[in-house]
PDB file of N, CA and C in Angstrom:
ATOM      1  N   MET A   1     -10.727  23.113   7.914  1.00  0.00           N
ATOM      2  CA  MET A   1      -9.475  22.945   7.132  1.00  0.00           C
ATOM      3  C   MET A   1      -8.239  22.435   7.976  1.00  0.00           C
ATOM      4  N   LEU A   2      -7.612  21.297   7.699  1.00  0.00           N
ATOM      5  CA  LEU A   2      -6.464  20.973   8.411  1.00  0.00           C
ATOM      6  C   LEU A   2      -5.246  21.601   7.913  1.00  0.00           C
ATOM      7  N   MET A   3      -4.444  22.034   8.993  1.00  0.00           N
ATOM      8  CA  MET A   3      -3.149  22.818   8.700  1.00  0.00           C
ATOM      9  C   MET A   3      -2.142  21.602   8.790  1.00  0.00           C
ATOM     10  N   TYR A   4      -1.323  21.254   7.848  1.00  0.00           N
ATOM     11  CA  TYR A   4      -0.463  20.217   7.972  1.00  0.00           C
ATOM     12  C   TYR A   4       0.951  20.791   8.711  1.00  0.00           C
ATOM     13  N   ALA A   5       1.580  19.840   9.307  1.00  0.00           N
ATOM     14  CA  ALA A   5       2.711  20.385  10.165  1.00  0.00           C
ATOM     15  C   ALA A   5       3.723  20.662   9.260  1.00  0.00           C
ATOM     16  N   ARG A   6       3.811  20.148   7.910  1.00  0.00           N
ATOM     17  CA  ARG A   6       4.979  20.577   7.158  1.00  0.00           C
ATOM     18  C   ARG A   6       5.079  21.885   6.381  1.00  0.00           C
ATOM     19  N   ASP A   7       3.530  22.281   6.545  1.00  0.00           N
ATOM     20  CA  ASP A   7       3.502  23.769   6.047  1.00  0.00           C
ATOM     21  C   ASP A   7       4.306  24.682   6.597  1.00  0.00           C
ATOM     22  N   ASP A   8       4.942  25.484   5.657  1.00  0.00           N
ATOM     23  CA  ASP A   8       5.764  26.623   6.358  1.00  0.00           C
ATOM     24  C   ASP A   8       5.100  27.589   7.328  1.00  0.00           C
ATOM     25  N   SER A   9       3.748  27.714   6.889  1.00  0.00           N
ATOM     26  CA  SER A   9       3.061  28.753   7.636  1.00  0.00           C
ATOM     27  C   SER A   9       2.532  28.002   9.049  1.00  0.00           C
ATOM     28  N   ALA A  10       2.632  26.749   9.249  1.00  0.00           N
ATOM     29  CA  ALA A  10       2.492  26.061  10.547  1.00  0.00           C
ATOM     30  C   ALA A  10       3.330  26.495  11.699  1.00  0.00           C
ATOM     31  N   GLY A  11       2.837  27.048  12.671  1.00  0.00           N
ATOM     32  CA  GLY A  11       3.689  27.492  13.881  1.00  0.00           C
ATOM     33  C   GLY A  11       3.358  26.501  14.996  1.00  0.00           C
ATOM     34  N   ALA A  12       3.790  26.875  16.098  1.00  0.00           N
ATOM     35  CA  ALA A  12       3.741  26.126  17.222  1.00  0.00           C
ATOM     36  C   ALA A  12       2.175  25.820  17.709  1.00  0.00           C
ATOM     37  N   GLU A  13       1.335  26.774  17.416  1.00  0.00           N
ATOM     38  CA  GLU A  13      -0.050  26.557  17.569  1.00  0.00           C
ATOM     39  C   GLU A  13      -0.649  25.564  16.924  1.00  0.00           C
ATOM     40  N   THR A  14      -0.147  25.135  15.700  1.00  0.00           N
ATOM     41  CA  THR A  14      -0.751  24.008  15.107  1.00  0.00           C
ATOM     42  C   THR A  14      -0.581  22.803  15.815  1.00  0.00           C
ATOM     43  N   TRP A  15       0.406  22.629  16.521  1.00  0.00           N
ATOM     44  CA  TRP A  15       0.760  21.229  17.308  1.00  0.00           C
ATOM     45  C   TRP A  15      -0.016  21.381  18.576  1.00  0.00           C
ATOM     46  N   GLN A  16      -0.803  22.503  18.954  1.00  0.00           N
ATOM     47  CA  GLN A  16      -1.551  22.564  20.059  1.00  0.00           C
ATOM     48  C   GLN A  16      -3.099  22.097  19.815  1.00  0.00           C
ATOM     49  N   ARG A  17      -3.523  22.187  18.644  1.00  0.00           N
ATOM     50  CA  ARG A  17      -4.829  21.742  18.300  1.00  0.00           C
ATOM     51  C   ARG A  17      -4.798  20.209  17.676  1.00  0.00           C
ATOM     52  N   LEU A  18      -5.523  19.317  18.436  1.00  0.00           N
ATOM     53  CA  LEU A  18      -5.461  18.116  17.963  1.00  0.00           C
ATOM     54  C   LEU A  18      -6.350  17.697  16.751  1.00  0.00           C
ATOM     55  N   PRO A  19      -5.762  16.830  15.944  1.00  0.00           N
ATOM     56  CA  PRO A  19      -6.875  16.640  14.718  1.00  0.00           C
ATOM     57  C   PRO A  19      -7.942  15.884  15.177  1.00  0.00           C
ATOM     58  N   ASP A  20      -9.124  15.759  14.489  1.00  0.00           N
ATOM     59  CA  ASP A  20     -10.042  14.974  14.789  1.00  0.00           C
ATOM     60  C   ASP A  20      -9.742  13.445  15.055  1.00  0.00           C
ATOM     61  N   ARG A  21     -10.765  12.790  15.653  1.00  0.00           N
ATOM     62  CA  ARG A  21     -10.500  11.448  16.064  1.00  0.00           C
ATOM     63  C   ARG A  21     -10.184  10.577  14.822  1.00  0.00           C
ATOM     64  N   ARG A  22     -11.180  10.961  13.698  1.00  0.00           N
ATOM     65  CA  ARG A  22     -10.998   9.995  12.600  1.00  0.00           C
ATOM     66  C   ARG A  22      -9.556  10.002  11.959  1.00  0.00           C
ATOM     67  N   HIS A  23      -9.005  11.184  11.919  1.00  0.00           N
ATOM     68  CA  HIS A  23      -7.805  11.347  11.465  1.00  0.00           C
ATOM     69  C   HIS A  23      -6.677  10.670  12.345  1.00  0.00           C
ATOM     70  N   ILE A  24      -6.710  10.789  13.592  1.00  0.00           N
ATOM     71  CA  ILE A  24      -5.769  10.254  14.437  1.00  0.00           C
ATOM     72  C   ILE A  24      -5.953   8.720  14.394  1.00  0.00           C
ATOM     73  N   GLU A  25      -7.089   8.216  14.186  1.00  0.00           N
ATOM     74  CA  GLU A  25      -7.246   6.707  14.164  1.00  0.00           C
ATOM     75  C   GLU A  25      -6.602   6.203  12.863  1.00  0.00           C
ATOM     76  N   ALA A  26      -6.764   6.852  11.864  1.00  0.00           N
ATOM     77  CA  ALA A  26      -6.426   6.497  10.389  1.00  0.00           C
ATOM     78  C   ALA A  26      -4.743   6.544  10.427  1.00  0.00           C
ATOM     79  N   ALA A  27      -4.203   7.745  11.068  1.00  0.00           N
ATOM     80  CA  ALA A  27      -2.699   7.701  11.129  1.00  0.00           C
ATOM     81  C   ALA A  27      -2.168   6.489  12.077  1.00  0.00           C
ATOM     82  N   ALA A  28      -2.872   6.226  13.263  1.00  0.00           N
ATOM     83  CA  ALA A  28      -2.351   5.174  14.024  1.00  0.00           C
ATOM     84  C   ALA A  28      -2.334   3.986  13.416  1.00  0.00           C
ATOM     85  N   GLU A  29      -3.456   3.640  12.485  1.00  0.00           N
ATOM     86  CA  GLU A  29      -3.591   2.544  11.837  1.00  0.00           C
ATOM     87  C   GLU A  29      -2.328   2.366  10.807  1.00  0.00           C
ATOM     88  N   ALA A  30      -2.158   3.265  10.139  1.00  0.00           N
ATOM     89  CA  ALA A  30      -0.885   3.501   9.229  1.00  0.00           C
ATOM     90  C   ALA A  30       0.455   3.103  10.028  1.00  0.00           C
ATOM     91  N   PHE A  31       0.577   3.788  10.975  1.00  0.00           N
ATOM     92  CA  PHE A  31       1.727   3.415  11.686  1.00  0.00           C
ATOM     93  C   PHE A  31       1.850   2.038  12.323  1.00  0.00           C
ATOM     94  N   ARG A  32       0.733   1.291  12.532  1.00  0.00           N
ATOM     95  CA  ARG A  32       0.854   0.002  12.987  1.00  0.00           C
ATOM     96  C   ARG A  32       1.260  -0.783  11.698  1.00  0.00           C
ATOM     97  N   MET A  33       0.788  -0.519  10.562  1.00  0.00           N
ATOM     98  CA  MET A  33       1.189  -1.154   9.487  1.00  0.00           C
ATOM     99  C   MET A  33       2.686  -0.995   9.110  1.00  0.00           C
ATOM    100  N   LEU A  34       3.168   0.199   9.520  1.00  0.00           N
ATOM    101  CA  LEU A  34       4.527   0.233   9.242  1.00  0.00           C
ATOM    102  C   LEU A  34       5.483  -0.139  10.383  1.00  0.00           C
ATOM    103  N   ALA A  35       4.874  -0.722  11.371  1.00  0.00           N
ATOM    104  CA  ALA A  35       5.610  -1.283  12.540  1.00  0.00           C
ATOM    105  C   ALA A  35       6.289  -2.654  12.254  1.00  0.00           C
ATOM    106  N   ASP A  36       6.167  -3.227  11.007  1.00  0.00           N
ATOM    107  CA  ASP A  36       6.629  -4.420  10.474  1.00  0.00           C
ATOM    108  C   ASP A  36       7.714  -4.375   9.568  1.00  0.00           C
ATOM    109  N   PRO A  37       9.060  -4.866   9.958  1.00  0.00           N
ATOM    110  CA  PRO A  37      10.077  -4.640   8.939  1.00  0.00           C
ATOM    111  C   PRO A  37       9.890  -5.122   7.471  1.00  0.00           C
ATOM    112  N   THR A  38       9.161  -6.352   7.305  1.00  0.00           N
ATOM    113  CA  THR A  38       8.991  -6.649   5.923  1.00  0.00           C
ATOM    114  C   THR A  38       8.011  -5.764   5.159  1.00  0.00           C
ATOM    115  N   ARG A  39       6.829  -5.074   5.865  1.00  0.00           N
ATOM    116  CA  ARG A  39       6.084  -4.251   5.377  1.00  0.00           C
ATOM    117  C   ARG A  39       6.903  -2.856   4.929  1.00  0.00           C
ATOM    118  N   LEU A  40       7.836  -2.442   5.716  1.00  0.00           N
ATOM    119  CA  LEU A  40       8.635  -1.225   5.580  1.00  0.00           C
ATOM    120  C   LEU A  40       9.496  -1.471   4.220  1.00  0.00           C
ATOM    121  N   ARG A  41      10.259  -2.827   4.133  1.00  0.00           N
ATOM    122  CA  ARG A  41      10.997  -2.976   3.023  1.00  0.00           C
ATOM    123  C   ARG A  41      10.136  -2.967   1.713  1.00  0.00           C
ATOM    124  N   ILE A  42       8.854  -3.524   1.776  1.00  0.00           N
ATOM    125  CA  ILE A  42       7.893  -3.606   0.603  1.00  0.00           C
ATOM    126  C   ILE A  42       7.644  -2.318   0.281  1.00  0.00           C
ATOM    127  N   LEU A  43       7.242  -1.394   1.237  1.00  0.00           N
ATOM    128  CA  LEU A  43       6.887  -0.089   0.928  1.00  0.00           C
ATOM    129  C   LEU A  43       7.980   0.860   0.260  1.00  0.00           C
ATOM    130  N   TRP A  44       9.074   0.482   1.024  1.00  0.00           N
ATOM    131  CA  TRP A  44      10.253   1.361   0.289  1.00  0.00           C
ATOM    132  C   TRP A  44      10.419   1.167  -1.106  1.00  0.00           C
ATOM    133  N   LEU A  45      10.377  -0.117  -1.466  1.00  0.00           N
ATOM    134  CA  LEU A  45      10.410  -0.427  -2.890  1.00  0.00           C
ATOM    135  C   LEU A  45       9.299   0.178  -3.672  1.00  0.00           C
ATOM    136  N   LEU A  46       8.257   0.099  -3.241  1.00  0.00           N
ATOM    137  CA  LEU A  46       6.910   0.610  -3.895  1.00  0.00           C
ATOM    138  C   LEU A  46       7.084   2.034  -4.067  1.00  0.00           C
ATOM    139  N   CYS A  47       7.915   2.786  -3.082  1.00  0.00           N
ATOM    140  CA  CYS A  47       7.981   4.222  -3.262  1.00  0.00           C
ATOM    141  C   CYS A  47       8.964   4.663  -4.439  1.00  0.00           C
ATOM    142  N   GLY A  48       9.683   3.545  -5.043  1.00  0.00           N
ATOM    143  CA  GLY A  48      10.456   3.768  -6.060  1.00  0.00           C
ATOM    144  C   GLY A  48       9.914   3.467  -7.361  1.00  0.00           C
ATOM    145  N   ALA A  49       9.224   2.544  -7.333  1.00  0.00           N
ATOM    146  CA  ALA A  49       8.632   1.829  -8.719  1.00  0.00           C
ATOM    147  C   ALA A  49       7.601   1.007  -8.367  1.00  0.00           C
ATOM    148  N   GLU A  50       6.660   0.622  -9.337  1.00  0.00           N
ATOM    149  CA  GLU A  50       5.696  -0.552  -9.269  1.00  0.00           C
ATOM    150  C   GLU A  50       6.333  -1.827  -9.396  1.00  0.00           C
ATOM    151  N   HIS A  51       5.668  -2.786  -8.685  1.00  0.00           N
ATOM    152  CA  HIS A  51       6.089  -3.933  -8.611  1.00  0.00           C
ATOM    153  C   HIS A  51       4.960  -5.088  -8.428  1.00  0.00           C
ATOM    154  N   ASP A  52       5.289  -6.221  -8.846  1.00  0.00           N
ATOM    155  CA  ASP A  52       4.146  -7.310  -8.768  1.00  0.00           C
ATOM    156  C   ASP A  52       4.701  -8.147  -7.444  1.00  0.00           C
ATOM    157  N   VAL A  53       3.814  -9.070  -7.042  1.00  0.00           N
ATOM    158  CA  VAL A  53       4.051  -9.763  -5.812  1.00  0.00           C
ATOM    159  C   VAL A  53       5.255 -10.557  -6.050  1.00  0.00           C
ATOM    160  N   GLY A  54       5.471 -11.242  -7.057  1.00  0.00           N
ATOM    161  CA  GLY A  54       6.608 -12.129  -7.156  1.00  0.00           C
ATOM    162  C   GLY A  54       7.876 -11.463  -7.083  1.00  0.00           C
ATOM    163  N   THR A  55       7.982 -10.190  -7.824  1.00  0.00           N
ATOM    164  CA  THR A  55       9.189  -9.461  -7.733  1.00  0.00           C
ATOM    165  C   THR A  55       9.472  -8.874  -6.285  1.00  0.00           C
ATOM    166  N   LEU A  56       8.299  -8.494  -5.552  1.00  0.00           N
ATOM    167  CA  LEU A  56       8.508  -7.988  -4.237  1.00  0.00           C
ATOM    168  C   LEU A  56       8.870  -9.132  -3.247  1.00  0.00           C
ATOM    169  N   ALA A  57       8.317 -10.245  -3.569  1.00  0.00           N
ATOM    170  CA  ALA A  57       8.791 -11.417  -2.719  1.00  0.00           C
ATOM    171  C   ALA A  57      10.369 -11.701  -2.930  1.00  0.00           C
ATOM    172  N   GLU A  58      10.721 -11.901  -3.912  1.00  0.00           N
ATOM    173  CA  GLU A  58      12.199 -11.895  -4.360  1.00  0.00           C
ATOM    174  C   GLU A  58      13.060 -10.806  -3.716  1.00  0.00           C
ATOM    175  N   ARG A  59      12.662  -9.646  -3.792  1.00  0.00           N
ATOM    176  CA  ARG A  59      13.366  -8.540  -3.330  1.00  0.00           C
ATOM    177  C   ARG A  59      13.566  -8.339  -1.917  1.00  0.00           C
ATOM    178  N   VAL A  60      12.359  -8.792  -1.218  1.00  0.00           N
ATOM    179  CA  VAL A  60      12.428  -8.871   0.253  1.00  0.00           C
ATOM    180  C   VAL A  60      12.742 -10.061   0.909  1.00  0.00           C
ATOM    181  N   ASP A  61      12.980 -11.127   0.166  1.00  0.00           N
ATOM    182  CA  ASP A  61      13.391 -12.421   0.534  1.00  0.00           C
ATOM    183  C   ASP A  61      12.165 -12.855   1.358  1.00  0.00           C
ATOM    184  N   ALA A  62      11.031 -12.959   1.007  1.00  0.00           N
ATOM    185  CA  ALA A  62       9.780 -13.482   1.687  1.00  0.00           C
ATOM    186  C   ALA A  62       8.973 -14.472   0.829  1.00  0.00           C
ATOM    187  N   ALA A  63       8.178 -15.234   1.392  1.00  0.00           N
ATOM    188  CA  ALA A  63       7.345 -16.125   0.469  1.00  0.00           C
ATOM    189  C   ALA A  63       6.094 -15.357  -0.155  1.00  0.00           C
ATOM    190  N   ARG A  64       5.783 -15.608  -1.239  1.00  0.00           N
ATOM    191  CA  ARG A  64       4.730 -14.914  -1.973  1.00  0.00           C
ATOM    192  C   ARG A  64       3.416 -14.771  -1.131  1.00  0.00           C
ATOM    193  N   PRO A  65       2.947 -15.825  -0.348  1.00  0.00           N
ATOM    194  CA  PRO A  65       1.732 -15.508   0.289  1.00  0.00           C
ATOM    195  C   PRO A  65       1.830 -14.360   1.355  1.00  0.00           C
ATOM    196  N   ALA A  66       3.107 -14.671   2.055  1.00  0.00           N
ATOM    197  CA  ALA A  66       3.370 -13.581   3.007  1.00  0.00           C
ATOM    198  C   ALA A  66       3.190 -12.182   2.554  1.00  0.00           C
ATOM    199  N   VAL A  67       3.902 -11.852   1.450  1.00  0.00           N
ATOM    200  CA  VAL A  67       3.935 -10.560   0.552  1.00  0.00           C
ATOM    201  C   VAL A  67       2.589 -10.068   0.286  1.00  0.00           C
ATOM    202  N   SER A  68       1.768 -11.114  -0.159  1.00  0.00           N
ATOM    203  CA  SER A  68       0.399 -10.931  -0.700  1.00  0.00           C
ATOM    204  C   SER A  68      -0.435 -10.502   0.668  1.00  0.00           C
ATOM    205  N   GLN A  69      -0.217 -11.079   1.789  1.00  0.00           N
ATOM    206  CA  GLN A  69      -0.946 -10.575   3.097  1.00  0.00           C
ATOM    207  C   GLN A  69      -0.475  -9.281   3.519  1.00  0.00           C
ATOM    208  N   HIS A  70       0.791  -9.022   3.308  1.00  0.00           N
ATOM    209  CA  HIS A  70       1.333  -7.635   3.701  1.00  0.00           C
ATOM    210  C   HIS A  70       0.833  -6.551   2.683  1.00  0.00           C
ATOM    211  N   LEU A  71       0.759  -6.942   1.556  1.00  0.00           N
ATOM    212  CA  LEU A  71       0.285  -5.862   0.588  1.00  0.00           C
ATOM    213  C   LEU A  71      -1.249  -5.518   0.699  1.00  0.00           C
ATOM    214  N   ALA A  72      -2.079  -6.679   1.197  1.00  0.00           N
ATOM    215  CA  ALA A  72      -3.530  -6.528   1.313  1.00  0.00           C
ATOM    216  C   ALA A  72      -3.619  -5.453   2.599  1.00  0.00           C
ATOM    217  N   LYS A  73      -2.830  -5.705   3.789  1.00  0.00           N
ATOM    218  CA  LYS A  73      -2.884  -4.864   4.628  1.00  0.00           C
ATOM    219  C   LYS A  73      -2.568  -3.347   4.310  1.00  0.00           C
ATOM    220  N   LEU A  74      -1.363  -3.154   3.720  1.00  0.00           N
ATOM    221  CA  LEU A  74      -0.909  -1.802   3.250  1.00  0.00           C
ATOM    222  C   LEU A  74      -1.946  -1.244   2.307  1.00  0.00           C
ATOM    223  N   ARG A  75      -2.714  -1.994   1.633  1.00  0.00           N
ATOM    224  CA  ARG A  75      -3.847  -1.499   0.742  1.00  0.00           C
ATOM    225  C   ARG A  75      -5.030  -0.946   1.604  1.00  0.00           C
ATOM    226  N   MET A  76      -5.360  -1.814   2.688  1.00  0.00           N
ATOM    227  CA  MET A  76      -6.458  -1.613   3.390  1.00  0.00           C
ATOM    228  C   MET A  76      -6.224  -0.148   4.130  1.00  0.00           C
ATOM    229  N   THR A  77      -5.004   0.142   4.393  1.00  0.00           N
ATOM    230  CA  THR A  77      -4.857   1.436   5.113  1.00  0.00           C
ATOM    231  C   THR A  77      -4.424   2.469   4.246  1.00  0.00           C
ATOM    232  N   GLY A  78      -4.654   2.303   3.075  1.00  0.00           N
ATOM    233  CA  GLY A  78      -4.361   3.410   2.090  1.00  0.00           C
ATOM    234  C   GLY A  78      -3.008   3.736   1.704  1.00  0.00           C
ATOM    235  N   LEU A  79      -2.019   2.837   2.136  1.00  0.00           N
ATOM    236  CA  LEU A  79      -0.585   3.381   1.944  1.00  0.00           C
ATOM    237  C   LEU A  79      -0.247   2.941   0.550  1.00  0.00           C
ATOM    238  N   VAL A  80      -0.905   1.852  -0.251  1.00  0.00           N
ATOM    239  CA  VAL A  80      -0.563   1.308  -1.140  1.00  0.00           C
ATOM    240  C   VAL A  80      -1.733   1.088  -2.299  1.00  0.00           C
ATOM    241  N   GLY A  81      -1.398   1.306  -3.584  1.00  0.00           N
ATOM    242  CA  GLY A  81      -2.614   1.267  -4.576  1.00  0.00           C
ATOM    243  C   GLY A  81      -1.997   0.205  -5.544  1.00  0.00           C
ATOM    244  N   ILE A  82      -3.160  -0.095  -6.559  1.00  0.00           N
ATOM    245  CA  ILE A  82      -2.795  -1.019  -7.355  1.00  0.00           C
ATOM    246  C   ILE A  82      -2.993  -0.735  -8.890  1.00  0.00           C
ATOM    247  N   ARG A  83      -2.530  -1.312  -9.857  1.00  0.00           N
ATOM    248  CA  ARG A  83      -2.785  -1.031 -11.272  1.00  0.00           C
ATOM    249  C   ARG A  83      -2.810  -2.495 -11.977  1.00  0.00           C
ATOM    250  N   ARG A  84      -3.921  -2.724 -12.480  1.00  0.00           N
ATOM    251  CA  ARG A  84      -4.052  -3.970 -13.204  1.00  0.00           C
ATOM    252  C   ARG A  84      -3.457  -3.957 -14.539  1.00  0.00           C
ATOM    253  N   ASP A  85      -2.758  -4.895 -14.959  1.00  0.00           N
ATOM    254  CA  ASP A  85      -2.014  -4.997 -16.269  1.00  0.00           C
ATOM    255  C   ASP A  85      -2.497  -6.441 -16.843  1.00  0.00           C
ATOM    256  N   GLY A  86      -3.702  -6.604 -17.464  1.00  0.00           N
ATOM    257  CA  GLY A  86      -4.192  -7.912 -17.783  1.00  0.00           C
ATOM    258  C   GLY A  86      -4.447  -8.630 -16.451  1.00  0.00           C
ATOM    259  N   ARG A  87      -3.939  -9.944 -16.346  1.00  0.00           N
ATOM    260  CA  ARG A  87      -3.919 -10.666 -15.161  1.00  0.00           C
ATOM    261  C   ARG A  87      -2.977 -10.212 -14.142  1.00  0.00           C
ATOM    262  N   ARG A  88      -2.049  -9.540 -14.483  1.00  0.00           N
ATOM    263  CA  ARG A  88      -0.979  -9.004 -13.492  1.00  0.00           C
ATOM    264  C   ARG A  88      -1.549  -7.919 -12.742  1.00  0.00           C
ATOM    265  N   VAL A  89      -1.098  -7.866 -11.331  1.00  0.00           N
ATOM    266  CA  VAL A  89      -1.514  -6.737 -10.615  1.00  0.00           C
ATOM    267  C   VAL A  89       0.009  -6.045 -10.118  1.00  0.00           C
ATOM    268  N   CYS A  90      -0.075  -4.916 -10.345  1.00  0.00           N
ATOM    269  CA  CYS A  90       1.066  -3.891  -9.946  1.00  0.00           C
ATOM    270  C   CYS A  90       0.871  -3.118  -8.814  1.00  0.00           C
ATOM    271  N   TYR A  91       1.721  -3.036  -7.774  1.00  0.00           N
ATOM    272  CA  TYR A  91       1.506  -2.342  -6.701  1.00  0.00           C
ATOM    273  C   TYR A  91       2.399  -1.160  -6.522  1.00  0.00           C
ATOM    274  N   ARG A  92       1.958   0.045  -5.957  1.00  0.00           N
ATOM    275  CA  ARG A  92       2.767   1.275  -5.879  1.00  0.00           C
ATOM    276  C   ARG A  92       2.494   1.918  -4.460  1.00  0.00           C
ATOM    277  N   ALA A  93       3.197   2.604  -4.088  1.00  0.00           N
ATOM    278  CA  ALA A  93       3.114   3.604  -2.912  1.00  0.00           C
ATOM    279  C   ALA A  93       2.067   4.543  -3.313  1.00  0.00           C
ATOM    280  N   ARG A  94       1.211   5.026  -2.471  1.00  0.00           N
ATOM    281  CA  ARG A  94       0.189   6.061  -2.879  1.00  0.00           C
ATOM    282  C   ARG A  94       0.598   7.485  -2.630  1.00  0.00           C
ATOM    283  N   GLY A  95       1.438   7.986  -3.500  1.00  0.00           N
ATOM    284  CA  GLY A  95       1.760   9.361  -3.551  1.00  0.00           C
ATOM    285  C   GLY A  95       2.917   9.816  -2.534  1.00  0.00           C
ATOM    286  N   GLY A  96       3.002  11.196  -2.830  1.00  0.00           N
ATOM    287  CA  GLY A  96       4.116  11.911  -1.827  1.00  0.00           C
ATOM    288  C   GLY A  96       4.171  11.665  -0.527  1.00  0.00           C
ATOM    289  N   HIS A  97       2.800  11.673  -0.012  1.00  0.00           N
ATOM    290  CA  HIS A  97       2.769  11.744   1.655  1.00  0.00           C
ATOM    291  C   HIS A  97       3.462  10.443   1.975  1.00  0.00           C
ATOM    292  N   VAL A  98       3.108   9.229   1.224  1.00  0.00           N
ATOM    293  CA  VAL A  98       3.668   8.137   1.755  1.00  0.00           C
ATOM    294  C   VAL A  98       5.257   8.022   1.819  1.00  0.00           C
ATOM    295  N   ARG A  99       5.755   8.517   0.565  1.00  0.00           N
ATOM    296  CA  ARG A  99       7.106   8.610   0.289  1.00  0.00           C
ATOM    297  C   ARG A  99       7.874   9.344   1.422  1.00  0.00           C
ATOM    298  N   ARG A 100       7.150  10.561   1.636  1.00  0.00           N
ATOM    299  CA  ARG A 100       7.838  11.430   2.736  1.00  0.00           C
ATOM    300  C   ARG A 100       7.842  10.967   4.117  1.00  0.00           C
ATOM    301  N   LEU A 101       6.723  10.178   4.306  1.00  0.00           N
ATOM    302  CA  LEU A 101       6.465   9.648   5.574  1.00  0.00           C
ATOM    303  C   LEU A 101       7.772   8.561   5.934  1.00  0.00           C
ATOM    304  N   LEU A 102       7.699   7.753   4.910  1.00  0.00           N
ATOM    305  CA  LEU A 102       8.883   6.576   5.082  1.00  0.00           C
ATOM    306  C   LEU A 102      10.228   7.256   4.957  1.00  0.00           C
ATOM    307  N   GLY A 103      10.455   8.117   3.982  1.00  0.00           N
ATOM    308  CA  GLY A 103      11.834   8.740   3.954  1.00  0.00           C
ATOM    309  C   GLY A 103      12.078   9.453   5.408  1.00  0.00           C
ATOM    310  N   GLU A 104      11.220  10.157   5.891  1.00  0.00           N
ATOM    311  CA  GLU A 104      11.421  10.752   7.196  1.00  0.00           C
ATOM    312  C   GLU A 104      11.718   9.795   8.256  1.00  0.00           C
ATOM    313  N   ALA A 105      11.060   8.665   8.412  1.00  0.00           N
ATOM    314  CA  ALA A 105      11.218   7.687   9.356  1.00  0.00           C
ATOM    315  C   ALA A 105      12.587   6.978   9.393  1.00  0.00           C
ATOM    316  N   VAL A 106      13.020   6.807   7.951  1.00  0.00           N
ATOM    317  CA  VAL A 106      14.273   6.075   7.885  1.00  0.00           C
ATOM    318  C   VAL A 106      15.372   7.069   8.198  1.00  0.00           C
ATOM    319  N   GLU A 107      15.151   8.281   7.845  1.00  0.00           N
ATOM    320  CA  GLU A 107      16.258   9.528   8.151  1.00  0.00           C
ATOM    321  C   GLU A 107      16.263   9.481   9.450  1.00  0.00           C
ATOM    322  N   ALA A 108      15.162   9.534  10.442  1.00  0.00           N
ATOM    323  CA  ALA A 108      15.176   9.740  11.741  1.00  0.00           C
ATOM    324  C   ALA A 108      15.852   8.508  12.392  1.00  0.00           C
ATOM    325  N   ALA A 109      15.665   7.362  11.701  1.00  0.00           N
ATOM    326  CA  ALA A 109      16.434   6.005  12.276  1.00  0.00           C
ATOM    327  C   ALA A 109      17.875   6.415  12.003  1.00  0.00           C
ATOM    328  N   ASP A 110      18.230   6.861  11.005  1.00  0.00           N
ATOM    329  CA  ASP A 110      19.716   6.994  10.658  1.00  0.00           C
ATOM    330  C   ASP A 110      20.280   8.150  11.566  1.00  0.00           C
ATOM    331  N   HIS A 111      19.622   9.183  11.926  1.00  0.00           N
ATOM    332  CA  HIS A 111      20.143  10.102  12.950  1.00  0.00           C
ATOM    333  C   HIS A 111      20.469   9.518  14.245  1.00  0.00           C
ATOM    334  N   HIS A 112      19.269   8.536  14.780  1.00  0.00           N
ATOM    335  CA  HIS A 112      19.319   7.968  16.131  1.00  0.00           C
ATOM    336  C   HIS A 112      20.398   6.933  16.055  1.00  0.00           C
ATOM    337  N   LEU A 113      20.727   6.292  14.917  1.00  0.00           N
ATOM    338  CA  LEU A 113      21.710   5.206  15.063  1.00  0.00           C
ATOM    339  C   LEU A 113      23.097   5.857  14.684  1.00  0.00           C
ATOM    340  N   SER A 114      23.290   6.859  14.083  1.00  0.00           N
ATOM    341  CA  SER A 114      24.659   7.488  13.723  1.00  0.00           C
ATOM    342  C   SER A 114      24.893   8.464  14.935  1.00  0.00           C
ATOM    343  N   GLY A 115      23.942   8.897  15.705  1.00  0.00           N
ATOM    344  CA  GLY A 115      24.247   9.936  16.680  1.00  0.00           C
ATOM    345  C   GLY A 115      24.218  11.384  16.101  1.00  0.00           C
ATOM    346  N   LEU A 116      23.714  11.450  15.003  1.00  0.00           N
ATOM    347  CA  LEU A 116      23.583  12.787  14.263  1.00  0.00           C
ATOM    348  C   LEU A 116      22.493  13.661  15.027  1.00  0.00           C
ATOM    349  N   PRO A 117      22.685  14.945  15.092  1.00  0.00           N
ATOM    350  CA  PRO A 117      21.730  15.797  15.686  1.00  0.00           C
ATOM    351  C   PRO A 117      20.412  15.849  14.877  1.00  0.00           C
ATOM    352  N   ASP A 118      19.372  16.137  15.553  1.00  0.00           N
ATOM    353  CA  ASP A 118      18.112  16.015  14.997  1.00  0.00           C
ATOM    354  C   ASP A 118      17.910  17.668  14.133  1.00  0.00           C
ATOM    355  N   HIS A 119      16.977  17.474  13.165  1.00  0.00           N
ATOM    356  CA  HIS A 119      16.809  18.868  12.605  1.00  0.00           C
ATOM    357  C   HIS A 119      15.678  19.481  13.261  1.00  0.00           C
ATOM    358  N   ASP A 120      15.483  20.839  13.279  1.00  0.00           N
ATOM    359  CA  ASP A 120      14.389  21.561  13.687  1.00  0.00           C
ATOM    360  C   ASP A 120      13.374  21.648  12.682  1.00  0.00           C
TER     361      ASP A 120
END
């Protein structure tokens, strides 16, 4: 059973046991997907609501084909899911883990940029 770092019961010993290779590789792939600013913007919007490709392209000021490619990569790594509405495809962030990950990343960036102290 995995013990998650966010669990209140997770102590320092949790950080001394490495997760298995599959988990590390999947996490690294997710971080690679998040290394692109356009994908971060797209995922941020999808954390708040479902959107189709056209709406996302408008909101992030990118071409539809580029947004479609970004969405395909985010889907491939399990960060984004879809819902079909007739011919229209709606995209959304896949749950609370993705929202928390993205929120923490942006908050860490805010602390870094503003000089605020880190949380323990």
